Amino acid sequence: MIEVIRSALPTRCLYSHVVVSGQTIGAVTRIRYDGPGVMVPRVFGSVFFYQPSQKINLCYGEITESATVNQFAEVIAEDLDALRDLGSGVWADTVVNPVRHVVEVGIQEW
């Protein structure tokens, strides 16, 4: 799966916020992957691919659902505060008071 995602980068995405499973934002992509996943419990900083909606999701805080996720990466420790800020901003601008922003995010190997 990681090779499929890597081959699609860099990409520009529309971010959304989940409303059921806690503090998680999703980048809607054109990536299509139907192979096996690495299903693990989600935690703060998890980066996973949600196949049904073709999203790269990032957990930026509290998790309210126990379902496992198809994790392929994690946010590095020094970027967790920035992730929390990004998630809060996406929540505010997509759920609380919807507005449109273009935000550039670099995704790279660590």
PDB file of N, CA and C in Angstrom:
ATOM      1  N   MET A   1       0.813  -1.189   0.000  1.00  0.00           N
ATOM      2  CA  MET A   1       0.000   0.000   0.000  1.00  0.00           C
ATOM      3  C   MET A   1       0.859   1.255   0.000  1.00  0.00           C
ATOM      4  N   ILE A   2       1.947   1.247   0.751  1.00  0.00           N
ATOM      5  CA  ILE A   2       2.770   2.442   0.840  1.00  0.00           C
ATOM      6  C   ILE A   2       3.314   2.858  -0.516  1.00  0.00           C
ATOM      7  N   GLU A   3       3.617   1.904  -1.380  1.00  0.00           N
ATOM      8  CA  GLU A   3       4.105   2.239  -2.719  1.00  0.00           C
ATOM      9  C   GLU A   3       3.026   2.931  -3.550  1.00  0.00           C
ATOM     10  N   VAL A   4       1.778   2.525  -3.385  1.00  0.00           N
ATOM     11  CA  VAL A   4       0.670   3.172  -4.092  1.00  0.00           C
ATOM     12  C   VAL A   4       0.537   4.617  -3.629  1.00  0.00           C
ATOM     13  N   ILE A   5       0.604   4.836  -2.337  1.00  0.00           N
ATOM     14  CA  ILE A   5       0.496   6.193  -1.794  1.00  0.00           C
ATOM     15  C   ILE A   5       1.701   7.026  -2.211  1.00  0.00           C
ATOM     16  N   ARG A   6       2.894   6.482  -2.074  1.00  0.00           N
ATOM     17  CA  ARG A   6       4.106   7.213  -2.444  1.00  0.00           C
ATOM     18  C   ARG A   6       4.057   7.634  -3.912  1.00  0.00           C
ATOM     19  N   SER A   7       3.568   6.775  -4.790  1.00  0.00           N
ATOM     20  CA  SER A   7       3.534   7.107  -6.216  1.00  0.00           C
ATOM     21  C   SER A   7       2.539   8.223  -6.527  1.00  0.00           C
ATOM     22  N   ALA A   8       1.595   8.473  -5.619  1.00  0.00           N
ATOM     23  CA  ALA A   8       0.600   9.523  -5.829  1.00  0.00           C
ATOM     24  C   ALA A   8       1.060  10.878  -5.294  1.00  0.00           C
ATOM     25  N   LEU A   9       2.198  10.911  -4.611  1.00  0.00           N
ATOM     26  CA  LEU A   9       2.683  12.151  -4.006  1.00  0.00           C
ATOM     27  C   LEU A   9       3.618  12.880  -4.953  1.00  0.00           C
ATOM     28  N   PRO A  10       3.716  14.188  -4.903  1.00  0.00           N
ATOM     29  CA  PRO A  10       2.910  15.055  -4.050  1.00  0.00           C
ATOM     30  C   PRO A  10       1.492  15.178  -4.588  1.00  0.00           C
ATOM     31  N   THR A  11       0.581  15.518  -3.719  1.00  0.00           N
ATOM     32  CA  THR A  11      -0.814  15.661  -4.125  1.00  0.00           C
ATOM     33  C   THR A  11      -1.448  16.837  -3.409  1.00  0.00           C
ATOM     34  N   ARG A  12      -2.459  17.391  -4.021  1.00  0.00           N
ATOM     35  CA  ARG A  12      -3.264  18.449  -3.386  1.00  0.00           C
ATOM     36  C   ARG A  12      -4.582  17.807  -3.005  1.00  0.00           C
ATOM     37  N   CYS A  13      -5.023  18.059  -1.794  1.00  0.00           N
ATOM     38  CA  CYS A  13      -6.208  17.375  -1.278  1.00  0.00           C
ATOM     39  C   CYS A  13      -7.191  18.356  -0.657  1.00  0.00           C
ATOM     40  N   LEU A  14      -8.417  17.940  -0.613  1.00  0.00           N
ATOM     41  CA  LEU A  14      -9.455  18.638   0.122  1.00  0.00           C
ATOM     42  C   LEU A  14      -9.571  17.941   1.478  1.00  0.00           C
ATOM     43  N   TYR A  15      -9.429  18.699   2.553  1.00  0.00           N
ATOM     44  CA  TYR A  15      -9.526  18.118   3.891  1.00  0.00           C
ATOM     45  C   TYR A  15     -10.945  18.187   4.409  1.00  0.00           C
ATOM     46  N   SER A  16     -11.304  17.160   5.168  1.00  0.00           N
ATOM     47  CA  SER A  16     -12.602  17.131   5.832  1.00  0.00           C
ATOM     48  C   SER A  16     -12.371  16.665   7.258  1.00  0.00           C
ATOM     49  N   HIS A  17     -13.411  16.702   8.047  1.00  0.00           N
ATOM     50  CA  HIS A  17     -13.312  16.269   9.439  1.00  0.00           C
ATOM     51  C   HIS A  17     -14.352  15.192   9.680  1.00  0.00           C
ATOM     52  N   VAL A  18     -13.945  14.098  10.325  1.00  0.00           N
ATOM     53  CA  VAL A  18     -14.918  13.067  10.668  1.00  0.00           C
ATOM     54  C   VAL A  18     -15.806  13.605  11.771  1.00  0.00           C
ATOM     55  N   VAL A  19     -16.998  13.054  11.921  1.00  0.00           N
ATOM     56  CA  VAL A  19     -17.901  13.542  12.960  1.00  0.00           C
ATOM     57  C   VAL A  19     -18.298  12.456  13.952  1.00  0.00           C
ATOM     58  N   VAL A  20     -17.869  11.229  13.735  1.00  0.00           N
ATOM     59  CA  VAL A  20     -18.259  10.133  14.618  1.00  0.00           C
ATOM     60  C   VAL A  20     -17.085   9.572  15.401  1.00  0.00           C
ATOM     61  N   SER A  21     -15.937   9.412  14.780  1.00  0.00           N
ATOM     62  CA  SER A  21     -14.838   8.652  15.391  1.00  0.00           C
ATOM     63  C   SER A  21     -13.808   9.489  16.135  1.00  0.00           C
ATOM     64  N   GLY A  22     -14.120  10.731  16.455  1.00  0.00           N
ATOM     65  CA  GLY A  22     -13.206  11.537  17.256  1.00  0.00           C
ATOM     66  C   GLY A  22     -12.470  12.571  16.442  1.00  0.00           C
ATOM     67  N   GLN A  23     -11.340  12.992  16.967  1.00  0.00           N
ATOM     68  CA  GLN A  23     -10.576  14.070  16.366  1.00  0.00           C
ATOM     69  C   GLN A  23      -9.666  13.522  15.266  1.00  0.00           C
ATOM     70  N   THR A  24     -10.252  13.415  14.092  1.00  0.00           N
ATOM     71  CA  THR A  24      -9.560  12.880  12.919  1.00  0.00           C
ATOM     72  C   THR A  24      -9.924  13.711  11.704  1.00  0.00           C
ATOM     73  N   ILE A  25      -8.906  14.094  10.956  1.00  0.00           N
ATOM     74  CA  ILE A  25      -9.145  14.811   9.702  1.00  0.00           C
ATOM     75  C   ILE A  25      -8.769  13.890   8.553  1.00  0.00           C
ATOM     76  N   GLY A  26      -9.377  14.135   7.399  1.00  0.00           N
ATOM     77  CA  GLY A  26      -9.127  13.292   6.241  1.00  0.00           C
ATOM     78  C   GLY A  26      -8.822  14.105   5.007  1.00  0.00           C
ATOM     79  N   ALA A  27      -7.823  13.658   4.251  1.00  0.00           N
ATOM     80  CA  ALA A  27      -7.471  14.272   2.979  1.00  0.00           C
ATOM     81  C   ALA A  27      -8.058  13.405   1.875  1.00  0.00           C
ATOM     82  N   VAL A  28      -9.037  13.933   1.177  1.00  0.00           N
ATOM     83  CA  VAL A  28      -9.672  13.201   0.090  1.00  0.00           C
ATOM     84  C   VAL A  28      -8.667  13.098  -1.059  1.00  0.00           C
ATOM     85  N   THR A  29      -8.427  11.866  -1.531  1.00  0.00           N
ATOM     86  CA  THR A  29      -7.440  11.645  -2.585  1.00  0.00           C
ATOM     87  C   THR A  29      -8.066  10.912  -3.771  1.00  0.00           C
ATOM     88  N   ARG A  30      -7.283  10.753  -4.808  1.00  0.00           N
ATOM     89  CA  ARG A  30      -7.677   9.928  -5.952  1.00  0.00           C
ATOM     90  C   ARG A  30      -7.046   8.542  -5.862  1.00  0.00           C
ATOM     91  N   ILE A  31      -6.395   8.267  -4.746  1.00  0.00           N
ATOM     92  CA  ILE A  31      -5.701   6.996  -4.562  1.00  0.00           C
ATOM     93  C   ILE A  31      -6.717   5.873  -4.429  1.00  0.00           C
ATOM     94  N   ARG A  32      -6.459   4.801  -5.134  1.00  0.00           N
ATOM     95  CA  ARG A  32      -7.321   3.610  -5.078  1.00  0.00           C
ATOM     96  C   ARG A  32      -6.457   2.441  -4.653  1.00  0.00           C
ATOM     97  N   TYR A  33      -6.849   1.762  -3.577  1.00  0.00           N
ATOM     98  CA  TYR A  33      -6.102   0.612  -3.090  1.00  0.00           C
ATOM     99  C   TYR A  33      -7.078  -0.390  -2.505  1.00  0.00           C
ATOM    100  N   ASP A  34      -7.038  -1.625  -3.007  1.00  0.00           N
ATOM    101  CA  ASP A  34      -7.941  -2.667  -2.533  1.00  0.00           C
ATOM    102  C   ASP A  34      -7.200  -3.845  -1.920  1.00  0.00           C
ATOM    103  N   GLY A  35      -5.892  -3.703  -1.726  1.00  0.00           N
ATOM    104  CA  GLY A  35      -5.095  -4.792  -1.175  1.00  0.00           C
ATOM    105  C   GLY A  35      -5.210  -4.886   0.336  1.00  0.00           C
ATOM    106  N   PRO A  36      -4.385  -5.738   0.931  1.00  0.00           N
ATOM    107  CA  PRO A  36      -4.415  -5.915   2.385  1.00  0.00           C
ATOM    108  C   PRO A  36      -3.888  -4.679   3.100  1.00  0.00           C
ATOM    109  N   GLY A  37      -4.311  -4.529   4.329  1.00  0.00           N
ATOM    110  CA  GLY A  37      -3.860  -3.405   5.125  1.00  0.00           C
ATOM    111  C   GLY A  37      -3.130  -3.864   6.375  1.00  0.00           C
ATOM    112  N   VAL A  38      -2.617  -2.902   7.104  1.00  0.00           N
ATOM    113  CA  VAL A  38      -1.989  -3.144   8.396  1.00  0.00           C
ATOM    114  C   VAL A  38      -2.958  -2.584   9.433  1.00  0.00           C
ATOM    115  N   MET A  39      -3.840  -3.436   9.926  1.00  0.00           N
ATOM    116  CA  MET A  39      -4.920  -2.984  10.792  1.00  0.00           C
ATOM    117  C   MET A  39      -4.454  -2.956  12.250  1.00  0.00           C
ATOM    118  N   VAL A  40      -4.460  -1.759  12.828  1.00  0.00           N
ATOM    119  CA  VAL A  40      -4.003  -1.551  14.199  1.00  0.00           C
ATOM    120  C   VAL A  40      -4.935  -0.555  14.887  1.00  0.00           C
ATOM    121  N   PRO A  41      -4.920  -0.510  16.234  1.00  0.00           N
ATOM    122  CA  PRO A  41      -5.709   0.514  16.922  1.00  0.00           C
ATOM    123  C   PRO A  41      -5.171   1.907  16.584  1.00  0.00           C
ATOM    124  N   ARG A  42      -6.063   2.846  16.390  1.00  0.00           N
ATOM    125  CA  ARG A  42      -5.635   4.214  16.086  1.00  0.00           C
ATOM    126  C   ARG A  42      -5.217   4.921  17.377  1.00  0.00           C
ATOM    127  N   VAL A  43      -4.244   5.798  17.251  1.00  0.00           N
ATOM    128  CA  VAL A  43      -3.761   6.604  18.366  1.00  0.00           C
ATOM    129  C   VAL A  43      -3.457   8.005  17.848  1.00  0.00           C
ATOM    130  N   PHE A  44      -3.260   8.927  18.766  1.00  0.00           N
ATOM    131  CA  PHE A  44      -2.871  10.286  18.417  1.00  0.00           C
ATOM    132  C   PHE A  44      -1.619  10.235  17.541  1.00  0.00           C
ATOM    133  N   GLY A  45      -1.680  10.821  16.357  1.00  0.00           N
ATOM    134  CA  GLY A  45      -0.565  10.821  15.426  1.00  0.00           C
ATOM    135  C   GLY A  45      -0.628   9.749  14.351  1.00  0.00           C
ATOM    136  N   SER A  46      -1.604   8.843  14.441  1.00  0.00           N
ATOM    137  CA  SER A  46      -1.744   7.809  13.404  1.00  0.00           C
ATOM    138  C   SER A  46      -2.079   8.435  12.056  1.00  0.00           C
ATOM    139  N   VAL A  47      -1.490   7.885  11.008  1.00  0.00           N
ATOM    140  CA  VAL A  47      -1.814   8.266   9.633  1.00  0.00           C
ATOM    141  C   VAL A  47      -2.249   6.985   8.949  1.00  0.00           C
ATOM    142  N   PHE A  48      -3.502   6.970   8.467  1.00  0.00           N
ATOM    143  CA  PHE A  48      -4.013   5.733   7.888  1.00  0.00           C
ATOM    144  C   PHE A  48      -4.827   6.006   6.644  1.00  0.00           C
ATOM    145  N   PHE A  49      -4.953   4.963   5.813  1.00  0.00           N
ATOM    146  CA  PHE A  49      -5.724   5.069   4.583  1.00  0.00           C
ATOM    147  C   PHE A  49      -7.084   4.423   4.807  1.00  0.00           C
ATOM    148  N   TYR A  50      -8.145   5.201   4.574  1.00  0.00           N
ATOM    149  CA  TYR A  50      -9.507   4.690   4.696  1.00  0.00           C
ATOM    150  C   TYR A  50     -10.011   4.395   3.283  1.00  0.00           C
ATOM    151  N   GLN A  51     -10.032   3.111   2.942  1.00  0.00           N
ATOM    152  CA  GLN A  51     -10.311   2.704   1.562  1.00  0.00           C
ATOM    153  C   GLN A  51     -11.688   3.101   1.036  1.00  0.00           C
ATOM    154  N   PRO A  52     -12.783   2.957   1.815  1.00  0.00           N
ATOM    155  CA  PRO A  52     -14.095   3.261   1.238  1.00  0.00           C
ATOM    156  C   PRO A  52     -14.230   4.686   0.696  1.00  0.00           C
ATOM    157  N   SER A  53     -13.601   5.661   1.349  1.00  0.00           N
ATOM    158  CA  SER A  53     -13.729   7.038   0.864  1.00  0.00           C
ATOM    159  C   SER A  53     -12.429   7.573   0.272  1.00  0.00           C
ATOM    160  N   GLN A  54     -11.428   6.713   0.101  1.00  0.00           N
ATOM    161  CA  GLN A  54     -10.152   7.071  -0.509  1.00  0.00           C
ATOM    162  C   GLN A  54      -9.487   8.250   0.192  1.00  0.00           C
ATOM    163  N   LYS A  55      -9.459   8.209   1.531  1.00  0.00           N
ATOM    164  CA  LYS A  55      -8.890   9.298   2.320  1.00  0.00           C
ATOM    165  C   LYS A  55      -7.638   8.860   3.061  1.00  0.00           C
ATOM    166  N   ILE A  56      -6.696   9.794   3.151  1.00  0.00           N
ATOM    167  CA  ILE A  56      -5.592   9.664   4.080  1.00  0.00           C
ATOM    168  C   ILE A  56      -6.023  10.415   5.331  1.00  0.00           C
ATOM    169  N   ASN A  57      -6.189   9.692   6.429  1.00  0.00           N
ATOM    170  CA  ASN A  57      -6.681  10.275   7.674  1.00  0.00           C
ATOM    171  C   ASN A  57      -5.554  10.460   8.680  1.00  0.00           C
ATOM    172  N   LEU A  58      -5.674  11.501   9.484  1.00  0.00           N
ATOM    173  CA  LEU A  58      -4.712  11.797  10.540  1.00  0.00           C
ATOM    174  C   LEU A  58      -5.472  11.998  11.849  1.00  0.00           C
ATOM    175  N   CYS A  59      -5.079  11.255  12.881  1.00  0.00           N
ATOM    176  CA  CYS A  59      -5.694  11.393  14.201  1.00  0.00           C
ATOM    177  C   CYS A  59      -4.943  12.480  14.959  1.00  0.00           C
ATOM    178  N   TYR A  60      -5.642  13.574  15.283  1.00  0.00           N
ATOM    179  CA  TYR A  60      -4.968  14.701  15.918  1.00  0.00           C
ATOM    180  C   TYR A  60      -5.344  14.886  17.380  1.00  0.00           C
ATOM    181  N   GLY A  61      -6.086  13.952  17.950  1.00  0.00           N
ATOM    182  CA  GLY A  61      -6.479  14.090  19.353  1.00  0.00           C
ATOM    183  C   GLY A  61      -7.287  12.901  19.819  1.00  0.00           C
ATOM    184  N   GLU A  62      -8.351  13.173  20.525  1.00  0.00           N
ATOM    185  CA  GLU A  62      -9.176  12.135  21.150  1.00  0.00           C
ATOM    186  C   GLU A  62      -9.807  11.206  20.111  1.00  0.00           C
ATOM    187  N   ILE A  63      -9.778   9.906  20.409  1.00  0.00           N
ATOM    188  CA  ILE A  63     -10.371   8.882  19.547  1.00  0.00           C
ATOM    189  C   ILE A  63     -11.618   8.362  20.255  1.00  0.00           C
ATOM    190  N   THR A  64     -12.753   8.336  19.582  1.00  0.00           N
ATOM    191  CA  THR A  64     -14.006   7.904  20.209  1.00  0.00           C
ATOM    192  C   THR A  64     -14.566   6.628  19.600  1.00  0.00           C
ATOM    193  N   GLU A  65     -13.764   5.942  18.799  1.00  0.00           N
ATOM    194  CA  GLU A  65     -14.200   4.713  18.158  1.00  0.00           C
ATOM    195  C   GLU A  65     -13.090   3.670  18.309  1.00  0.00           C
ATOM    196  N   SER A  66     -13.470   2.419  18.529  1.00  0.00           N
ATOM    197  CA  SER A  66     -12.469   1.390  18.784  1.00  0.00           C
ATOM    198  C   SER A  66     -12.066   0.595  17.541  1.00  0.00           C
ATOM    199  N   ALA A  67     -12.645   0.876  16.393  1.00  0.00           N
ATOM    200  CA  ALA A  67     -12.303   0.129  15.175  1.00  0.00           C
ATOM    201  C   ALA A  67     -10.835   0.323  14.816  1.00  0.00           C
ATOM    202  N   THR A  68     -10.212  -0.738  14.319  1.00  0.00           N
ATOM    203  CA  THR A  68      -8.828  -0.630  13.882  1.00  0.00           C
ATOM    204  C   THR A  68      -8.749   0.106  12.551  1.00  0.00           C
ATOM    205  N   VAL A  69      -7.550   0.589  12.229  1.00  0.00           N
ATOM    206  CA  VAL A  69      -7.353   1.370  11.010  1.00  0.00           C
ATOM    207  C   VAL A  69      -6.178   0.818  10.217  1.00  0.00           C
ATOM    208  N   ASN A  70      -6.147   1.142   8.941  1.00  0.00           N
ATOM    209  CA  ASN A  70      -5.112   0.703   8.015  1.00  0.00           C
ATOM    210  C   ASN A  70      -3.952   1.716   8.062  1.00  0.00           C
ATOM    211  N   GLN A  71      -3.140   1.637   9.118  1.00  0.00           N
ATOM    212  CA  GLN A  71      -2.076   2.614   9.342  1.00  0.00           C
ATOM    213  C   GLN A  71      -0.875   2.330   8.449  1.00  0.00           C
ATOM    214  N   PHE A  72      -0.330   3.425   7.869  1.00  0.00           N
ATOM    215  CA  PHE A  72       0.875   3.283   7.064  1.00  0.00           C
ATOM    216  C   PHE A  72       1.972   4.242   7.497  1.00  0.00           C
ATOM    217  N   ALA A  73       1.655   5.153   8.434  1.00  0.00           N
ATOM    218  CA  ALA A  73       2.659   6.118   8.892  1.00  0.00           C
ATOM    219  C   ALA A  73       2.201   6.706  10.214  1.00  0.00           C
ATOM    220  N   GLU A  74       3.071   7.529  10.792  1.00  0.00           N
ATOM    221  CA  GLU A  74       2.693   8.289  11.980  1.00  0.00           C
ATOM    222  C   GLU A  74       3.381   9.639  11.925  1.00  0.00           C
ATOM    223  N   VAL A  75       2.758  10.618  12.549  1.00  0.00           N
ATOM    224  CA  VAL A  75       3.314  11.964  12.596  1.00  0.00           C
ATOM    225  C   VAL A  75       4.466  11.957  13.601  1.00  0.00           C
ATOM    226  N   ILE A  76       5.595  12.555  13.228  1.00  0.00           N
ATOM    227  CA  ILE A  76       6.751  12.567  14.123  1.00  0.00           C
ATOM    228  C   ILE A  76       6.473  13.473  15.326  1.00  0.00           C
ATOM    229  N   ALA A  77       7.099  13.134  16.450  1.00  0.00           N
ATOM    230  CA  ALA A  77       6.817  13.790  17.733  1.00  0.00           C
ATOM    231  C   ALA A  77       6.904  15.310  17.662  1.00  0.00           C
ATOM    232  N   GLU A  78       7.906  15.838  16.983  1.00  0.00           N
ATOM    233  CA  GLU A  78       8.052  17.303  16.961  1.00  0.00           C
ATOM    234  C   GLU A  78       6.983  18.004  16.132  1.00  0.00           C
ATOM    235  N   ASP A  79       6.176  17.269  15.379  1.00  0.00           N
ATOM    236  CA  ASP A  79       5.094  17.871  14.593  1.00  0.00           C
ATOM    237  C   ASP A  79       3.712  17.640  15.198  1.00  0.00           C
ATOM    238  N   LEU A  80       3.616  17.006  16.354  1.00  0.00           N
ATOM    239  CA  LEU A  80       2.301  16.699  16.933  1.00  0.00           C
ATOM    240  C   LEU A  80       1.526  17.949  17.331  1.00  0.00           C
ATOM    241  N   ASP A  81       2.201  18.988  17.826  1.00  0.00           N
ATOM    242  CA  ASP A  81       1.494  20.231  18.148  1.00  0.00           C
ATOM    243  C   ASP A  81       0.927  20.875  16.888  1.00  0.00           C
ATOM    244  N   ALA A  82       1.704  20.851  15.799  1.00  0.00           N
ATOM    245  CA  ALA A  82       1.222  21.396  14.523  1.00  0.00           C
ATOM    246  C   ALA A  82       0.036  20.580  14.014  1.00  0.00           C
ATOM    247  N   LEU A  83       0.074  19.255  14.203  1.00  0.00           N
ATOM    248  CA  LEU A  83      -1.047  18.397  13.809  1.00  0.00           C
ATOM    249  C   LEU A  83      -2.299  18.766  14.592  1.00  0.00           C
ATOM    250  N   ARG A  84      -2.149  18.968  15.901  1.00  0.00           N
ATOM    251  CA  ARG A  84      -3.301  19.354  16.732  1.00  0.00           C
ATOM    252  C   ARG A  84      -3.885  20.686  16.251  1.00  0.00           C
ATOM    253  N   ASP A  85      -3.017  21.643  15.924  1.00  0.00           N
ATOM    254  CA  ASP A  85      -3.483  22.942  15.419  1.00  0.00           C
ATOM    255  C   ASP A  85      -4.189  22.790  14.074  1.00  0.00           C
ATOM    256  N   LEU A  86      -3.619  21.978  13.182  1.00  0.00           N
ATOM    257  CA  LEU A  86      -4.247  21.738  11.882  1.00  0.00           C
ATOM    258  C   LEU A  86      -5.624  21.108  12.063  1.00  0.00           C
ATOM    259  N   GLY A  87      -5.706  20.091  12.905  1.00  0.00           N
ATOM    260  CA  GLY A  87      -6.995  19.434  13.139  1.00  0.00           C
ATOM    261  C   GLY A  87      -8.040  20.375  13.692  1.00  0.00           C
ATOM    262  N   SER A  88      -7.651  21.198  14.654  1.00  0.00           N
ATOM    263  CA  SER A  88      -8.587  22.173  15.228  1.00  0.00           C
ATOM    264  C   SER A  88      -9.052  23.168  14.176  1.00  0.00           C
ATOM    265  N   GLY A  89      -8.140  23.568  13.304  1.00  0.00           N
ATOM    266  CA  GLY A  89      -8.503  24.493  12.226  1.00  0.00           C
ATOM    267  C   GLY A  89      -9.450  23.871  11.224  1.00  0.00           C
ATOM    268  N   VAL A  90      -9.202  22.623  10.856  1.00  0.00           N
ATOM    269  CA  VAL A  90     -10.099  21.932   9.920  1.00  0.00           C
ATOM    270  C   VAL A  90     -11.479  21.775  10.554  1.00  0.00           C
ATOM    271  N   TRP A  91     -11.541  21.412  11.833  1.00  0.00           N
ATOM    272  CA  TRP A  91     -12.819  21.303  12.541  1.00  0.00           C
ATOM    273  C   TRP A  91     -13.575  22.629  12.483  1.00  0.00           C
ATOM    274  N   ALA A  92     -12.887  23.711  12.815  1.00  0.00           N
ATOM    275  CA  ALA A  92     -13.526  25.028  12.842  1.00  0.00           C
ATOM    276  C   ALA A  92     -14.007  25.455  11.463  1.00  0.00           C
ATOM    277  N   ASP A  93     -13.211  25.166  10.432  1.00  0.00           N
ATOM    278  CA  ASP A  93     -13.532  25.670   9.098  1.00  0.00           C
ATOM    279  C   ASP A  93     -14.367  24.733   8.237  1.00  0.00           C
ATOM    280  N   THR A  94     -14.626  23.509   8.705  1.00  0.00           N
ATOM    281  CA  THR A  94     -15.470  22.601   7.924  1.00  0.00           C
ATOM    282  C   THR A  94     -16.753  22.219   8.641  1.00  0.00           C
ATOM    283  N   VAL A  95     -16.755  22.279   9.966  1.00  0.00           N
ATOM    284  CA  VAL A  95     -17.943  21.882  10.722  1.00  0.00           C
ATOM    285  C   VAL A  95     -18.580  23.080  11.424  1.00  0.00           C
ATOM    286  N   VAL A  96     -17.793  23.827  12.183  1.00  0.00           N
ATOM    287  CA  VAL A  96     -18.321  24.937  12.976  1.00  0.00           C
ATOM    288  C   VAL A  96     -18.765  26.093  12.094  1.00  0.00           C
ATOM    289  N   ASN A  97     -17.886  26.561  11.222  1.00  0.00           N
ATOM    290  CA  ASN A  97     -18.174  27.699  10.358  1.00  0.00           C
ATOM    291  C   ASN A  97     -17.480  27.468   9.012  1.00  0.00           C
ATOM    292  N   PRO A  98     -18.129  26.716   8.110  1.00  0.00           N
ATOM    293  CA  PRO A  98     -17.458  26.304   6.866  1.00  0.00           C
ATOM    294  C   PRO A  98     -16.955  27.477   6.017  1.00  0.00           C
ATOM    295  N   VAL A  99     -15.662  27.422   5.704  1.00  0.00           N
ATOM    296  CA  VAL A  99     -15.016  28.358   4.785  1.00  0.00           C
ATOM    297  C   VAL A  99     -14.003  27.564   3.970  1.00  0.00           C
ATOM    298  N   ARG A 100     -13.477  28.175   2.927  1.00  0.00           N
ATOM    299  CA  ARG A 100     -12.512  27.471   2.079  1.00  0.00           C
ATOM    300  C   ARG A 100     -11.134  28.103   2.229  1.00  0.00           C
ATOM    301  N   HIS A 101     -10.131  27.259   2.485  1.00  0.00           N
ATOM    302  CA  HIS A 101      -8.738  27.683   2.575  1.00  0.00           C
ATOM    303  C   HIS A 101      -7.900  26.732   1.736  1.00  0.00           C
ATOM    304  N   VAL A 102      -6.842  27.229   1.158  1.00  0.00           N
ATOM    305  CA  VAL A 102      -5.858  26.369   0.513  1.00  0.00           C
ATOM    306  C   VAL A 102      -4.666  26.314   1.463  1.00  0.00           C
ATOM    307  N   VAL A 103      -4.334  25.109   1.912  1.00  0.00           N
ATOM    308  CA  VAL A 103      -3.231  24.901   2.841  1.00  0.00           C
ATOM    309  C   VAL A 103      -2.285  23.886   2.219  1.00  0.00           C
ATOM    310  N   GLU A 104      -1.032  24.225   2.100  1.00  0.00           N
ATOM    311  CA  GLU A 104      -0.035  23.310   1.556  1.00  0.00           C
ATOM    312  C   GLU A 104       0.551  22.480   2.698  1.00  0.00           C
ATOM    313  N   VAL A 105       0.549  21.164   2.542  1.00  0.00           N
ATOM    314  CA  VAL A 105       1.104  20.270   3.542  1.00  0.00           C
ATOM    315  C   VAL A 105       2.123  19.371   2.842  1.00  0.00           C
ATOM    316  N   GLY A 106       3.329  19.311   3.380  1.00  0.00           N
ATOM    317  CA  GLY A 106       4.351  18.438   2.820  1.00  0.00           C
ATOM    318  C   GLY A 106       4.302  17.072   3.459  1.00  0.00           C
ATOM    319  N   ILE A 107       4.219  16.019   2.678  1.00  0.00           N
ATOM    320  CA  ILE A 107       4.232  14.654   3.175  1.00  0.00           C
ATOM    321  C   ILE A 107       5.497  14.010   2.625  1.00  0.00           C
ATOM    322  N   GLN A 108       6.318  13.484   3.522  1.00  0.00           N
ATOM    323  CA  GLN A 108       7.581  12.899   3.085  1.00  0.00           C
ATOM    324  C   GLN A 108       7.946  11.718   3.967  1.00  0.00           C
ATOM    325  N   GLU A 109       8.928  10.993   3.512  1.00  0.00           N
ATOM    326  CA  GLU A 109       9.435   9.882   4.316  1.00  0.00           C
ATOM    327  C   GLU A 109      10.302  10.439   5.423  1.00  0.00           C
ATOM    328  N   TRP A 110      10.344   9.706   6.525  1.00  0.00           N
ATOM    329  CA  TRP A 110      11.156  10.123   7.655  1.00  0.00           C
ATOM    330  C   TRP A 110      12.276   9.184   7.876  1.00  0.00           C
TER     331      TRP A 110
END
